[in-house]
């Protein structure tokens, strides 16, 4: 008999996508469905609560997916919890496969479903990833055609993307849950790293699949576009450093400083060319205001540590949206940066 599962669906103004998400969730027959609404103004949450057997939880404002997921984790009745974004549609059997994997291995803390972009025949979108030492996610099979995607039924990964993943409620909360100051972006990287610091494993299940549809308005970068939202620049500028300052050892931060500077200059040039310098500076100003939070969070995360940063970090190709840095000066800069970073990691990675 499979264990009961609480499904936590996070929603903000999901009028165009929430219905299909919930239909797929309810078809999987979970023990409990919690719809956590983060300040919707389009009536989507109330409509869903009236149409479906679920429990509606409201945050009273748009506090972001991180806060919404934590609220759902605290309210969940069962130990197995499935986190689902409102623009995700699970394929048949997705939940059963995730439960089977998590139940069979007590060392697993989090299992992510493989997601396809737009439709079940689309390219792979999120398929787990590795934690690049720059404090970024090197995504696996990013935009790979379905038939070319690599991987077995269950593969260990460094990061589980939280659009559709199953975990154990108490373990996720014990690792600090999602950092609510991040709002969105980097929050799943941070939780994944905290779980791995505590000695737990993370995996992606390729036999559990879902479809990722709409994306987050004003944030998502989809398709072959050179656009990069100003809001994403702000969140990247702030949240990447929230993650590194709370999760890396001081020695790690010191040793990797030259690489941080090199990447930072390249990223700043990209930001400037995109016209988003004000957003970048606002992100750094917001980071400075979080000094007390950073120190508190750092103490709690470091208390989990059972391994070194060098055991968790890697040097792999950086992930770019298709079309964003494939040719011309941007493409050349990308290649030079990647080569320099790989060389630097070979020189200093052993110190960590």
C-alpha atoms as a PDB file:
ATOM      1  CA  UNK A   1       0.000   0.000   0.000  1.00  0.00           C
ATOM      2  CA  UNK A   2       1.519   3.306  -1.063  1.00  0.00           C
ATOM      3  CA  UNK A   3       1.879   6.058   1.552  1.00  0.00           C
ATOM      4  CA  UNK A   4      -0.620   8.940   1.519  1.00  0.00           C
ATOM      5  CA  UNK A   5       0.530  12.087  -0.247  1.00  0.00           C
ATOM      6  CA  UNK A   6      -0.296  15.737   0.374  1.00  0.00           C
ATOM      7  CA  UNK A   7      -0.124  17.719  -2.868  1.00  0.00           C
ATOM      8  CA  UNK A   8       0.763  21.404  -2.482  1.00  0.00           C
ATOM      9  CA  UNK A   9      -0.225  23.475  -5.511  1.00  0.00           C
ATOM     10  CA  UNK A  10       1.182  27.008  -5.500  1.00  0.00           C
ATOM     11  CA  UNK A  11      -0.934  29.613  -7.268  1.00  0.00           C
ATOM     12  CA  UNK A  12      -0.746  33.281  -8.194  1.00  0.00           C
ATOM     13  CA  UNK A  13      -3.164  34.583 -10.820  1.00  0.00           C
ATOM     14  CA  UNK A  14      -3.352  31.183 -12.481  1.00  0.00           C
ATOM     15  CA  UNK A  15      -6.681  31.643 -14.221  1.00  0.00           C
ATOM     16  CA  UNK A  16      -5.314  30.416 -17.558  1.00  0.00           C
ATOM     17  CA  UNK A  17      -3.497  27.334 -16.280  1.00  0.00           C
ATOM     18  CA  UNK A  18      -4.690  26.269 -12.809  1.00  0.00           C
ATOM     19  CA  UNK A  19      -7.648  24.187 -13.983  1.00  0.00           C
ATOM     20  CA  UNK A  20      -5.569  21.808 -16.108  1.00  0.00           C
ATOM     21  CA  UNK A  21      -3.010  21.530 -13.309  1.00  0.00           C
ATOM     22  CA  UNK A  22      -5.643  20.555 -10.738  1.00  0.00           C
ATOM     23  CA  UNK A  23      -7.380  18.102 -13.067  1.00  0.00           C
ATOM     24  CA  UNK A  24      -4.117  16.192 -13.458  1.00  0.00           C
ATOM     25  CA  UNK A  25      -3.401  16.343  -9.723  1.00  0.00           C
ATOM     26  CA  UNK A  26      -6.843  15.049  -8.762  1.00  0.00           C
ATOM     27  CA  UNK A  27      -6.648  12.297 -11.382  1.00  0.00           C
ATOM     28  CA  UNK A  28      -3.641  10.937  -9.457  1.00  0.00           C
ATOM     29  CA  UNK A  29      -5.928  10.449  -6.421  1.00  0.00           C
ATOM     30  CA  UNK A  30      -3.734  11.937  -3.672  1.00  0.00           C
ATOM     31  CA  UNK A  31      -4.853  11.817  -0.047  1.00  0.00           C
ATOM     32  CA  UNK A  32      -4.919  15.614   0.231  1.00  0.00           C
ATOM     33  CA  UNK A  33      -4.706  18.628  -2.073  1.00  0.00           C
ATOM     34  CA  UNK A  34      -3.690  21.995  -0.655  1.00  0.00           C
ATOM     35  CA  UNK A  35      -4.050  25.006  -2.933  1.00  0.00           C
ATOM     36  CA  UNK A  36      -1.843  27.754  -1.538  1.00  0.00           C
ATOM     37  CA  UNK A  37      -2.793  31.081  -3.065  1.00  0.00           C
ATOM     38  CA  UNK A  38      -0.285  33.908  -2.970  1.00  0.00           C
ATOM     39  CA  UNK A  39      -2.270  37.101  -3.441  1.00  0.00           C
ATOM     40  CA  UNK A  40      -4.207  36.268  -6.602  1.00  0.00           C
ATOM     41  CA  UNK A  41      -6.458  38.996  -7.959  1.00  0.00           C
ATOM     42  CA  UNK A  42      -8.026  37.054 -10.850  1.00  0.00           C
ATOM     43  CA  UNK A  43     -10.406  34.873  -8.816  1.00  0.00           C
ATOM     44  CA  UNK A  44      -8.611  31.682  -9.831  1.00  0.00           C
ATOM     45  CA  UNK A  45      -8.206  30.312  -6.308  1.00  0.00           C
ATOM     46  CA  UNK A  46     -11.820  30.860  -5.237  1.00  0.00           C
ATOM     47  CA  UNK A  47     -13.052  29.346  -8.496  1.00  0.00           C
ATOM     48  CA  UNK A  48     -10.885  26.272  -8.000  1.00  0.00           C
ATOM     49  CA  UNK A  49     -11.961  25.872  -4.373  1.00  0.00           C
ATOM     50  CA  UNK A  50     -15.592  25.922  -5.466  1.00  0.00           C
ATOM     51  CA  UNK A  51     -15.079  23.404  -8.258  1.00  0.00           C
ATOM     52  CA  UNK A  52     -12.724  20.846  -6.710  1.00  0.00           C
ATOM     53  CA  UNK A  53     -12.267  18.859  -3.464  1.00  0.00           C
ATOM     54  CA  UNK A  54      -9.300  20.709  -2.047  1.00  0.00           C
ATOM     55  CA  UNK A  55      -8.268  22.859   0.889  1.00  0.00           C
ATOM     56  CA  UNK A  56      -7.632  26.501   0.064  1.00  0.00           C
ATOM     57  CA  UNK A  57      -4.901  28.319   1.995  1.00  0.00           C
ATOM     58  CA  UNK A  58      -4.360  32.033   1.412  1.00  0.00           C
ATOM     59  CA  UNK A  59      -1.266  34.058   2.218  1.00  0.00           C
ATOM     60  CA  UNK A  60      -3.000  37.426   2.214  1.00  0.00           C
ATOM     61  CA  UNK A  61      -0.663  38.945  -0.353  1.00  0.00           C
ATOM     62  CA  UNK A  62       1.803  37.946  -3.039  1.00  0.00           C
ATOM     63  CA  UNK A  63       4.670  36.680  -0.900  1.00  0.00           C
ATOM     64  CA  UNK A  64       6.093  34.469  -3.619  1.00  0.00           C
ATOM     65  CA  UNK A  65       6.390  30.721  -4.270  1.00  0.00           C
ATOM     66  CA  UNK A  66       8.968  30.201  -1.505  1.00  0.00           C
ATOM     67  CA  UNK A  67       6.612  31.424   1.228  1.00  0.00           C
ATOM     68  CA  UNK A  68       3.660  29.617  -0.354  1.00  0.00           C
ATOM     69  CA  UNK A  69       5.476  26.283  -0.410  1.00  0.00           C
ATOM     70  CA  UNK A  70       6.597  26.671   3.202  1.00  0.00           C
ATOM     71  CA  UNK A  71       3.026  27.455   4.250  1.00  0.00           C
ATOM     72  CA  UNK A  72       1.844  24.335   2.480  1.00  0.00           C
ATOM     73  CA  UNK A  73       4.566  22.213   4.075  1.00  0.00           C
ATOM     74  CA  UNK A  74       3.581  23.388   7.543  1.00  0.00           C
ATOM     75  CA  UNK A  75      -0.101  22.670   6.879  1.00  0.00           C
ATOM     76  CA  UNK A  76       0.319  19.316   5.114  1.00  0.00           C
ATOM     77  CA  UNK A  77      -1.213  16.344   6.909  1.00  0.00           C
ATOM     78  CA  UNK A  78       1.085  13.681   5.461  1.00  0.00           C
ATOM     79  CA  UNK A  79       4.821  13.059   5.421  1.00  0.00           C
ATOM     80  CA  UNK A  80       5.074  12.639   1.649  1.00  0.00           C
ATOM     81  CA  UNK A  81       4.474  16.006  -0.009  1.00  0.00           C
ATOM     82  CA  UNK A  82       4.333  16.812  -3.706  1.00  0.00           C
ATOM     83  CA  UNK A  83       5.160  20.397  -4.653  1.00  0.00           C
ATOM     84  CA  UNK A  84       3.508  21.497  -7.905  1.00  0.00           C
ATOM     85  CA  UNK A  85       3.452  24.873  -9.649  1.00  0.00           C
ATOM     86  CA  UNK A  86       0.166  25.998 -11.171  1.00  0.00           C
ATOM     87  CA  UNK A  87       1.547  25.952 -14.735  1.00  0.00           C
ATOM     88  CA  UNK A  88       2.493  22.265 -14.544  1.00  0.00           C
ATOM     89  CA  UNK A  89       0.371  19.364 -15.799  1.00  0.00           C
ATOM     90  CA  UNK A  90       1.407  15.933 -14.544  1.00  0.00           C
ATOM     91  CA  UNK A  91       1.337  13.070 -17.014  1.00  0.00           C
ATOM     92  CA  UNK A  92      -0.423   9.820 -16.130  1.00  0.00           C
ATOM     93  CA  UNK A  93       1.529   7.812 -13.550  1.00  0.00           C
ATOM     94  CA  UNK A  94       3.784  10.709 -12.568  1.00  0.00           C
ATOM     95  CA  UNK A  95       2.863  10.707  -8.884  1.00  0.00           C
ATOM     96  CA  UNK A  96       2.974   6.913  -8.580  1.00  0.00           C
ATOM     97  CA  UNK A  97       6.496   6.785 -10.022  1.00  0.00           C
ATOM     98  CA  UNK A  98       7.720   9.565  -7.732  1.00  0.00           C
ATOM     99  CA  UNK A  99       6.243   7.846  -4.671  1.00  0.00           C
ATOM    100  CA  UNK A 100       7.780   4.499  -5.627  1.00  0.00           C
ATOM    101  CA  UNK A 101      11.235   6.040  -5.958  1.00  0.00           C
ATOM    102  CA  UNK A 102      11.087   8.029  -2.722  1.00  0.00           C
ATOM    103  CA  UNK A 103       9.619   5.157  -0.715  1.00  0.00           C
ATOM    104  CA  UNK A 104      12.246   2.688  -1.923  1.00  0.00           C
ATOM    105  CA  UNK A 105      15.268   4.738  -0.822  1.00  0.00           C
ATOM    106  CA  UNK A 106      15.361   6.313   2.669  1.00  0.00           C
ATOM    107  CA  UNK A 107      18.471   8.312   1.684  1.00  0.00           C
ATOM    108  CA  UNK A 108      16.499  10.247  -0.929  1.00  0.00           C
ATOM    109  CA  UNK A 109      15.171  13.590   0.256  1.00  0.00           C
ATOM    110  CA  UNK A 110      13.691  14.965  -2.948  1.00  0.00           C
ATOM    111  CA  UNK A 111      12.738  13.476  -6.325  1.00  0.00           C
ATOM    112  CA  UNK A 112      11.910  15.702  -9.289  1.00  0.00           C
ATOM    113  CA  UNK A 113       9.792  14.752 -12.283  1.00  0.00           C
ATOM    114  CA  UNK A 114      11.228  15.323 -15.766  1.00  0.00           C
ATOM    115  CA  UNK A 115       9.388  18.248 -17.361  1.00  0.00           C
ATOM    116  CA  UNK A 116       8.743  18.895 -21.031  1.00  0.00           C
ATOM    117  CA  UNK A 117       8.163  22.345 -22.433  1.00  0.00           C
ATOM    118  CA  UNK A 118       4.714  23.119 -23.814  1.00  0.00           C
ATOM    119  CA  UNK A 119       3.576  19.559 -24.531  1.00  0.00           C
ATOM    120  CA  UNK A 120       4.507  15.949 -23.835  1.00  0.00           C
ATOM    121  CA  UNK A 121       6.271  15.878 -27.221  1.00  0.00           C
ATOM    122  CA  UNK A 122       8.196  19.085 -26.589  1.00  0.00           C
ATOM    123  CA  UNK A 123      11.844  19.404 -25.630  1.00  0.00           C
ATOM    124  CA  UNK A 124      13.022  18.687 -22.118  1.00  0.00           C
ATOM    125  CA  UNK A 125      12.789  21.775 -19.940  1.00  0.00           C
ATOM    126  CA  UNK A 126      13.735  20.977 -16.351  1.00  0.00           C
ATOM    127  CA  UNK A 127      15.507  17.687 -15.686  1.00  0.00           C
ATOM    128  CA  UNK A 128      17.515  18.435 -12.580  1.00  0.00           C
ATOM    129  CA  UNK A 129      20.950  19.962 -12.651  1.00  0.00           C
ATOM    130  CA  UNK A 130      24.347  20.342 -11.019  1.00  0.00           C
ATOM    131  CA  UNK A 131      25.442  23.069  -8.615  1.00  0.00           C
ATOM    132  CA  UNK A 132      28.022  25.156 -10.459  1.00  0.00           C
ATOM    133  CA  UNK A 133      30.610  26.645  -8.118  1.00  0.00           C
ATOM    134  CA  UNK A 134      29.532  30.154  -9.230  1.00  0.00           C
ATOM    135  CA  UNK A 135      26.280  29.632  -7.338  1.00  0.00           C
ATOM    136  CA  UNK A 136      24.297  28.738 -10.447  1.00  0.00           C
ATOM    137  CA  UNK A 137      22.464  25.687 -11.755  1.00  0.00           C
ATOM    138  CA  UNK A 138      23.929  23.843 -14.734  1.00  0.00           C
ATOM    139  CA  UNK A 139      20.719  22.336 -16.059  1.00  0.00           C
ATOM    140  CA  UNK A 140      20.707  18.805 -17.471  1.00  0.00           C
ATOM    141  CA  UNK A 141      19.157  18.158 -20.897  1.00  0.00           C
ATOM    142  CA  UNK A 142      18.185  21.846 -21.181  1.00  0.00           C
ATOM    143  CA  UNK A 143      15.976  22.149 -24.300  1.00  0.00           C
ATOM    144  CA  UNK A 144      17.138  18.734 -25.512  1.00  0.00           C
ATOM    145  CA  UNK A 145      14.752  16.998 -27.948  1.00  0.00           C
ATOM    146  CA  UNK A 146      12.821  14.293 -26.141  1.00  0.00           C
ATOM    147  CA  UNK A 147      14.469  11.445 -28.055  1.00  0.00           C
ATOM    148  CA  UNK A 148      17.982  12.799 -27.362  1.00  0.00           C
ATOM    149  CA  UNK A 149      17.646  13.366 -23.614  1.00  0.00           C
ATOM    150  CA  UNK A 150      20.069  11.288 -21.564  1.00  0.00           C
ATOM    151  CA  UNK A 151      19.375   9.582 -18.258  1.00  0.00           C
ATOM    152  CA  UNK A 152      18.139   6.431 -16.582  1.00  0.00           C
ATOM    153  CA  UNK A 153      14.886   5.888 -14.715  1.00  0.00           C
ATOM    154  CA  UNK A 154      16.325   7.556 -11.616  1.00  0.00           C
ATOM    155  CA  UNK A 155      19.485   9.653 -11.632  1.00  0.00           C
ATOM    156  CA  UNK A 156      21.169  11.475  -8.785  1.00  0.00           C
ATOM    157  CA  UNK A 157      21.299  15.212  -9.347  1.00  0.00           C
ATOM    158  CA  UNK A 158      22.591  18.267  -7.530  1.00  0.00           C
ATOM    159  CA  UNK A 159      19.445  20.362  -7.782  1.00  0.00           C
ATOM    160  CA  UNK A 160      15.757  19.510  -7.939  1.00  0.00           C
ATOM    161  CA  UNK A 161      13.703  22.188  -9.671  1.00  0.00           C
ATOM    162  CA  UNK A 162      10.604  22.699  -7.554  1.00  0.00           C
ATOM    163  CA  UNK A 163       8.008  22.840 -10.324  1.00  0.00           C
ATOM    164  CA  UNK A 164       7.044  19.194  -9.638  1.00  0.00           C
ATOM    165  CA  UNK A 165       8.933  17.277  -6.970  1.00  0.00           C
ATOM    166  CA  UNK A 166       8.185  14.894  -4.124  1.00  0.00           C
ATOM    167  CA  UNK A 167       9.843  15.017  -0.720  1.00  0.00           C
ATOM    168  CA  UNK A 168       9.398  14.274   2.946  1.00  0.00           C
ATOM    169  CA  UNK A 169       7.732  17.136   4.800  1.00  0.00           C
ATOM    170  CA  UNK A 170       9.747  16.964   8.012  1.00  0.00           C
ATOM    171  CA  UNK A 171      13.085  16.696   6.183  1.00  0.00           C
ATOM    172  CA  UNK A 172      12.347  19.700   4.004  1.00  0.00           C
ATOM    173  CA  UNK A 173      11.369  21.800   7.004  1.00  0.00           C
ATOM    174  CA  UNK A 174      14.360  20.587   9.045  1.00  0.00           C
ATOM    175  CA  UNK A 175      16.636  21.801   6.231  1.00  0.00           C
ATOM    176  CA  UNK A 176      15.127  25.262   6.599  1.00  0.00           C
ATOM    177  CA  UNK A 177      12.487  24.988   3.910  1.00  0.00           C
ATOM    178  CA  UNK A 178      12.578  27.551   1.120  1.00  0.00           C
ATOM    179  CA  UNK A 179      14.244  30.882   1.868  1.00  0.00           C
ATOM    180  CA  UNK A 180      11.285  33.262   1.822  1.00  0.00           C
ATOM    181  CA  UNK A 181      13.494  36.316   1.354  1.00  0.00           C
ATOM    182  CA  UNK A 182      14.305  35.010  -2.124  1.00  0.00           C
ATOM    183  CA  UNK A 183      10.636  35.187  -3.167  1.00  0.00           C
ATOM    184  CA  UNK A 184      11.398  33.242  -6.372  1.00  0.00           C
ATOM    185  CA  UNK A 185      14.561  32.184  -8.258  1.00  0.00           C
ATOM    186  CA  UNK A 186      17.446  30.278  -6.612  1.00  0.00           C
ATOM    187  CA  UNK A 187      15.154  29.115  -3.785  1.00  0.00           C
ATOM    188  CA  UNK A 188      15.101  25.506  -5.020  1.00  0.00           C
ATOM    189  CA  UNK A 189      18.873  25.541  -5.554  1.00  0.00           C
ATOM    190  CA  UNK A 190      19.318  26.706  -1.961  1.00  0.00           C
ATOM    191  CA  UNK A 191      17.055  24.025  -0.479  1.00  0.00           C
ATOM    192  CA  UNK A 192      18.653  21.312  -2.599  1.00  0.00           C
ATOM    193  CA  UNK A 193      22.111  22.354  -1.399  1.00  0.00           C
ATOM    194  CA  UNK A 194      20.997  22.419   2.240  1.00  0.00           C
ATOM    195  CA  UNK A 195      19.588  18.904   1.933  1.00  0.00           C
ATOM    196  CA  UNK A 196      22.816  17.645   0.389  1.00  0.00           C
ATOM    197  CA  UNK A 197      24.875  19.404   3.063  1.00  0.00           C
ATOM    198  CA  UNK A 198      22.947  17.361   5.614  1.00  0.00           C
ATOM    199  CA  UNK A 199      23.913  14.141   3.849  1.00  0.00           C
ATOM    200  CA  UNK A 200      20.723  13.554   1.890  1.00  0.00           C
ATOM    201  CA  UNK A 201      20.427  12.689  -1.805  1.00  0.00           C
ATOM    202  CA  UNK A 202      18.395  14.300  -4.583  1.00  0.00           C
ATOM    203  CA  UNK A 203      17.293  12.643  -7.810  1.00  0.00           C
ATOM    204  CA  UNK A 204      15.337  13.178 -11.006  1.00  0.00           C
ATOM    205  CA  UNK A 205      12.939  10.474 -12.186  1.00  0.00           C
ATOM    206  CA  UNK A 206      12.693  10.264 -15.962  1.00  0.00           C
ATOM    207  CA  UNK A 207       9.756   7.847 -15.790  1.00  0.00           C
ATOM    208  CA  UNK A 208       7.755  10.512 -13.929  1.00  0.00           C
ATOM    209  CA  UNK A 209       6.932  13.239 -16.421  1.00  0.00           C
ATOM    210  CA  UNK A 210       5.035  16.500 -16.528  1.00  0.00           C
ATOM    211  CA  UNK A 211       4.424  19.375 -18.931  1.00  0.00           C
ATOM    212  CA  UNK A 212       5.552  22.900 -18.066  1.00  0.00           C
ATOM    213  CA  UNK A 213       3.354  25.495 -19.699  1.00  0.00           C
ATOM    214  CA  UNK A 214       2.879  29.192 -19.001  1.00  0.00           C
ATOM    215  CA  UNK A 215       5.925  30.268 -16.989  1.00  0.00           C
ATOM    216  CA  UNK A 216       6.056  33.182 -14.537  1.00  0.00           C
ATOM    217  CA  UNK A 217       4.905  36.450 -16.074  1.00  0.00           C
ATOM    218  CA  UNK A 218       7.633  39.080 -16.141  1.00  0.00           C
ATOM    219  CA  UNK A 219      10.298  36.534 -15.210  1.00  0.00           C
ATOM    220  CA  UNK A 220      10.312  33.512 -17.492  1.00  0.00           C
ATOM    221  CA  UNK A 221      12.645  33.369 -20.492  1.00  0.00           C
ATOM    222  CA  UNK A 222      11.256  30.887 -22.980  1.00  0.00           C
ATOM    223  CA  UNK A 223      12.132  30.029 -26.538  1.00  0.00           C
ATOM    224  CA  UNK A 224      14.729  31.525 -28.848  1.00  0.00           C
ATOM    225  CA  UNK A 225      14.536  35.039 -27.513  1.00  0.00           C
ATOM    226  CA  UNK A 226      17.229  37.502 -26.562  1.00  0.00           C
ATOM    227  CA  UNK A 227      14.965  39.208 -24.045  1.00  0.00           C
ATOM    228  CA  UNK A 228      15.833  39.077 -20.366  1.00  0.00           C
ATOM    229  CA  UNK A 229      13.395  40.597 -17.893  1.00  0.00           C
ATOM    230  CA  UNK A 230      14.498  43.430 -15.603  1.00  0.00           C
ATOM    231  CA  UNK A 231      12.811  41.659 -12.696  1.00  0.00           C
ATOM    232  CA  UNK A 232      14.919  38.578 -13.336  1.00  0.00           C
ATOM    233  CA  UNK A 233      18.044  40.745 -13.283  1.00  0.00           C
ATOM    234  CA  UNK A 234      17.060  42.077  -9.847  1.00  0.00           C
ATOM    235  CA  UNK A 235      16.375  38.615  -8.448  1.00  0.00           C
ATOM    236  CA  UNK A 236      19.576  37.162  -9.916  1.00  0.00           C
ATOM    237  CA  UNK A 237      21.622  40.055  -8.504  1.00  0.00           C
ATOM    238  CA  UNK A 238      20.221  39.537  -5.016  1.00  0.00           C
ATOM    239  CA  UNK A 239      19.338  35.859  -4.678  1.00  0.00           C
ATOM    240  CA  UNK A 240      22.525  34.309  -6.022  1.00  0.00           C
ATOM    241  CA  UNK A 241      24.439  36.017  -3.254  1.00  0.00           C
ATOM    242  CA  UNK A 242      21.820  35.137  -0.636  1.00  0.00           C
ATOM    243  CA  UNK A 243      22.466  31.521  -1.570  1.00  0.00           C
ATOM    244  CA  UNK A 244      26.255  31.681  -1.542  1.00  0.00           C
ATOM    245  CA  UNK A 245      26.572  33.792   1.613  1.00  0.00           C
ATOM    246  CA  UNK A 246      24.342  31.430   3.579  1.00  0.00           C
ATOM    247  CA  UNK A 247      25.459  28.056   2.195  1.00  0.00           C
ATOM    248  CA  UNK A 248      29.167  28.283   1.289  1.00  0.00           C
ATOM    249  CA  UNK A 249      31.988  28.128   3.809  1.00  0.00           C
ATOM    250  CA  UNK A 250      33.957  31.343   4.264  1.00  0.00           C
ATOM    251  CA  UNK A 251      36.996  29.551   2.825  1.00  0.00           C
ATOM    252  CA  UNK A 252      34.988  28.640  -0.270  1.00  0.00           C
ATOM    253  CA  UNK A 253      33.917  32.241  -0.785  1.00  0.00           C
ATOM    254  CA  UNK A 254      37.502  33.435  -0.397  1.00  0.00           C
ATOM    255  CA  UNK A 255      39.056  30.875  -2.743  1.00  0.00           C
ATOM    256  CA  UNK A 256      36.421  31.442  -5.432  1.00  0.00           C
ATOM    257  CA  UNK A 257      36.527  35.251  -5.292  1.00  0.00           C
ATOM    258  CA  UNK A 258      38.593  35.650  -8.515  1.00  0.00           C
ATOM    259  CA  UNK A 259      36.060  33.520 -10.399  1.00  0.00           C
ATOM    260  CA  UNK A 260      33.181  35.497  -8.889  1.00  0.00           C
ATOM    261  CA  UNK A 261      34.787  38.737 -10.063  1.00  0.00           C
ATOM    262  CA  UNK A 262      35.372  37.400 -13.576  1.00  0.00           C
ATOM    263  CA  UNK A 263      31.818  36.136 -13.932  1.00  0.00           C
ATOM    264  CA  UNK A 264      30.445  39.271 -12.295  1.00  0.00           C
ATOM    265  CA  UNK A 265      32.118  41.555 -14.826  1.00  0.00           C
ATOM    266  CA  UNK A 266      30.803  39.520 -17.749  1.00  0.00           C
ATOM    267  CA  UNK A 267      27.313  39.421 -16.268  1.00  0.00           C
ATOM    268  CA  UNK A 268      27.412  43.149 -15.552  1.00  0.00           C
ATOM    269  CA  UNK A 269      28.303  43.839 -19.187  1.00  0.00           C
ATOM    270  CA  UNK A 270      25.366  41.693 -20.283  1.00  0.00           C
ATOM    271  CA  UNK A 271      23.063  43.496 -17.853  1.00  0.00           C
ATOM    272  CA  UNK A 272      24.249  46.856 -19.136  1.00  0.00           C
ATOM    273  CA  UNK A 273      23.672  45.839 -22.751  1.00  0.00           C
ATOM    274  CA  UNK A 274      20.160  44.745 -21.793  1.00  0.00           C
ATOM    275  CA  UNK A 275      19.438  48.110 -20.174  1.00  0.00           C
ATOM    276  CA  UNK A 276      18.943  46.627 -16.712  1.00  0.00           C
ATOM    277  CA  UNK A 277      21.730  48.230 -14.670  1.00  0.00           C
ATOM    278  CA  UNK A 278      19.234  49.926 -12.299  1.00  0.00           C
ATOM    279  CA  UNK A 279      17.699  46.525 -11.520  1.00  0.00           C
ATOM    280  CA  UNK A 280      21.150  45.056 -10.864  1.00  0.00           C
ATOM    281  CA  UNK A 281      21.998  47.829  -8.400  1.00  0.00           C
ATOM    282  CA  UNK A 282      18.605  47.500  -6.690  1.00  0.00           C
ATOM    283  CA  UNK A 283      19.357  43.829  -6.192  1.00  0.00           C
ATOM    284  CA  UNK A 284      22.649  44.588  -4.474  1.00  0.00           C
ATOM    285  CA  UNK A 285      21.011  47.266  -2.307  1.00  0.00           C
ATOM    286  CA  UNK A 286      18.305  44.792  -1.298  1.00  0.00           C
ATOM    287  CA  UNK A 287      20.991  42.242  -0.400  1.00  0.00           C
ATOM    288  CA  UNK A 288      22.676  44.695   1.977  1.00  0.00           C
ATOM    289  CA  UNK A 289      19.388  45.220   3.801  1.00  0.00           C
ATOM    290  CA  UNK A 290      19.225  41.504   4.567  1.00  0.00           C
ATOM    291  CA  UNK A 291      22.374  41.360   6.698  1.00  0.00           C
ATOM    292  CA  UNK A 292      20.623  40.099   9.837  1.00  0.00           C
ATOM    293  CA  UNK A 293      18.653  37.513   7.899  1.00  0.00           C
ATOM    294  CA  UNK A 294      21.793  36.308   6.135  1.00  0.00           C
ATOM    295  CA  UNK A 295      23.653  35.692   9.376  1.00  0.00           C
ATOM    296  CA  UNK A 296      20.711  33.892  10.996  1.00  0.00           C
ATOM    297  CA  UNK A 297      20.143  31.771   7.934  1.00  0.00           C
ATOM    298  CA  UNK A 298      23.841  31.050   7.607  1.00  0.00           C
ATOM    299  CA  UNK A 299      24.083  29.737  11.180  1.00  0.00           C
ATOM    300  CA  UNK A 300      21.149  27.378  10.691  1.00  0.00           C
ATOM    301  CA  UNK A 301      22.378  26.083   7.324  1.00  0.00           C
ATOM    302  CA  UNK A 302      25.982  25.569   8.439  1.00  0.00           C
ATOM    303  CA  UNK A 303      24.725  23.569  11.429  1.00  0.00           C
ATOM    304  CA  UNK A 304      23.467  20.970   8.924  1.00  0.00           C
ATOM    305  CA  UNK A 305      26.887  20.442   7.340  1.00  0.00           C
ATOM    306  CA  UNK A 306      28.189  16.881   7.020  1.00  0.00           C
ATOM    307  CA  UNK A 307      30.407  17.390   3.951  1.00  0.00           C
ATOM    308  CA  UNK A 308      32.584  19.968   2.242  1.00  0.00           C
ATOM    309  CA  UNK A 309      31.546  22.363  -0.507  1.00  0.00           C
ATOM    310  CA  UNK A 310      34.072  20.696  -2.782  1.00  0.00           C
ATOM    311  CA  UNK A 311      32.043  17.485  -2.621  1.00  0.00           C
ATOM    312  CA  UNK A 312      28.899  19.250  -3.836  1.00  0.00           C
ATOM    313  CA  UNK A 313      30.108  21.862  -6.326  1.00  0.00           C
ATOM    314  CA  UNK A 314      31.079  21.227  -9.950  1.00  0.00           C
ATOM    315  CA  UNK A 315      32.463  23.050 -12.959  1.00  0.00           C
ATOM    316  CA  UNK A 316      30.213  22.372 -15.942  1.00  0.00           C
ATOM    317  CA  UNK A 317      28.953  24.410 -18.856  1.00  0.00           C
ATOM    318  CA  UNK A 318      26.812  27.325 -17.742  1.00  0.00           C
ATOM    319  CA  UNK A 319      23.165  27.240 -18.788  1.00  0.00           C
ATOM    320  CA  UNK A 320      21.923  29.935 -21.156  1.00  0.00           C
ATOM    321  CA  UNK A 321      18.509  30.374 -22.706  1.00  0.00           C
ATOM    322  CA  UNK A 322      18.663  29.213 -26.359  1.00  0.00           C
ATOM    323  CA  UNK A 323      19.554  32.136 -28.577  1.00  0.00           C
ATOM    324  CA  UNK A 324      20.836  34.294 -25.730  1.00  0.00           C
ATOM    325  CA  UNK A 325      24.581  33.761 -26.192  1.00  0.00           C
ATOM    326  CA  UNK A 326      25.137  31.451 -29.137  1.00  0.00           C
ATOM    327  CA  UNK A 327      26.962  33.602 -31.672  1.00  0.00           C
ATOM    328  CA  UNK A 328      28.949  36.750 -32.253  1.00  0.00           C
ATOM    329  CA  UNK A 329      30.674  38.524 -29.399  1.00  0.00           C
ATOM    330  CA  UNK A 330      28.361  36.986 -26.808  1.00  0.00           C
ATOM    331  CA  UNK A 331      29.125  33.497 -28.053  1.00  0.00           C
ATOM    332  CA  UNK A 332      32.869  34.138 -28.018  1.00  0.00           C
ATOM    333  CA  UNK A 333      32.680  35.594 -24.510  1.00  0.00           C
ATOM    334  CA  UNK A 334      30.719  32.574 -23.358  1.00  0.00           C
ATOM    335  CA  UNK A 335      33.381  30.178 -24.677  1.00  0.00           C
ATOM    336  CA  UNK A 336      36.264  32.134 -23.156  1.00  0.00           C
ATOM    337  CA  UNK A 337      34.476  32.399 -19.813  1.00  0.00           C
ATOM    338  CA  UNK A 338      33.694  28.685 -19.746  1.00  0.00           C
ATOM    339  CA  UNK A 339      37.297  27.755 -20.486  1.00  0.00           C
ATOM    340  CA  UNK A 340      38.668  30.109 -17.864  1.00  0.00           C
ATOM    341  CA  UNK A 341      36.267  28.833 -15.218  1.00  0.00           C
ATOM    342  CA  UNK A 342      37.113  25.192 -15.912  1.00  0.00           C
ATOM    343  CA  UNK A 343      40.813  25.956 -15.640  1.00  0.00           C
ATOM    344  CA  UNK A 344      40.397  27.865 -12.403  1.00  0.00           C
ATOM    345  CA  UNK A 345      38.332  25.090 -10.850  1.00  0.00           C
ATOM    346  CA  UNK A 346      41.017  22.534 -11.700  1.00  0.00           C
ATOM    347  CA  UNK A 347      43.528  24.711  -9.876  1.00  0.00           C
ATOM    348  CA  UNK A 348      41.555  25.456  -6.704  1.00  0.00           C
ATOM    349  CA  UNK A 349      38.688  22.971  -6.419  1.00  0.00           C
ATOM    350  CA  UNK A 350      40.774  20.559  -4.362  1.00  0.00           C
ATOM    351  CA  UNK A 351      41.137  23.208  -1.639  1.00  0.00           C
ATOM    352  CA  UNK A 352      37.444  23.142  -0.862  1.00  0.00           C
END
